[in-house]
């Protein structure tokens, strides 16, 4: 299971936003909340659920998913929202 908090630190509302990330080749998404997720190879993408957009200035939304893998799990990497790199922790 993974959860992510997406924070809008810009002065403008995000009306249409999306994200991307890199994930293990053996991983699949079982279900998600707060966003629709997809995986093709090692590339993952997300688009917000209707209730998570727009994201106003200074606001956050939480998204997450449950996944499965046939190999040891690895951390998501290369997370980007609206094309900008994100910090992880």
Foldseek 3Di string as FASTA:
>chain_A
DDKDKDWAQDQAWAAWKKKKWFFAQFKDFPDKPQWDWDDDRRIIMTTGDPVPPGAHHGGMDMMDTDMDGPDDGDDIDQMDMRRHGDDDD
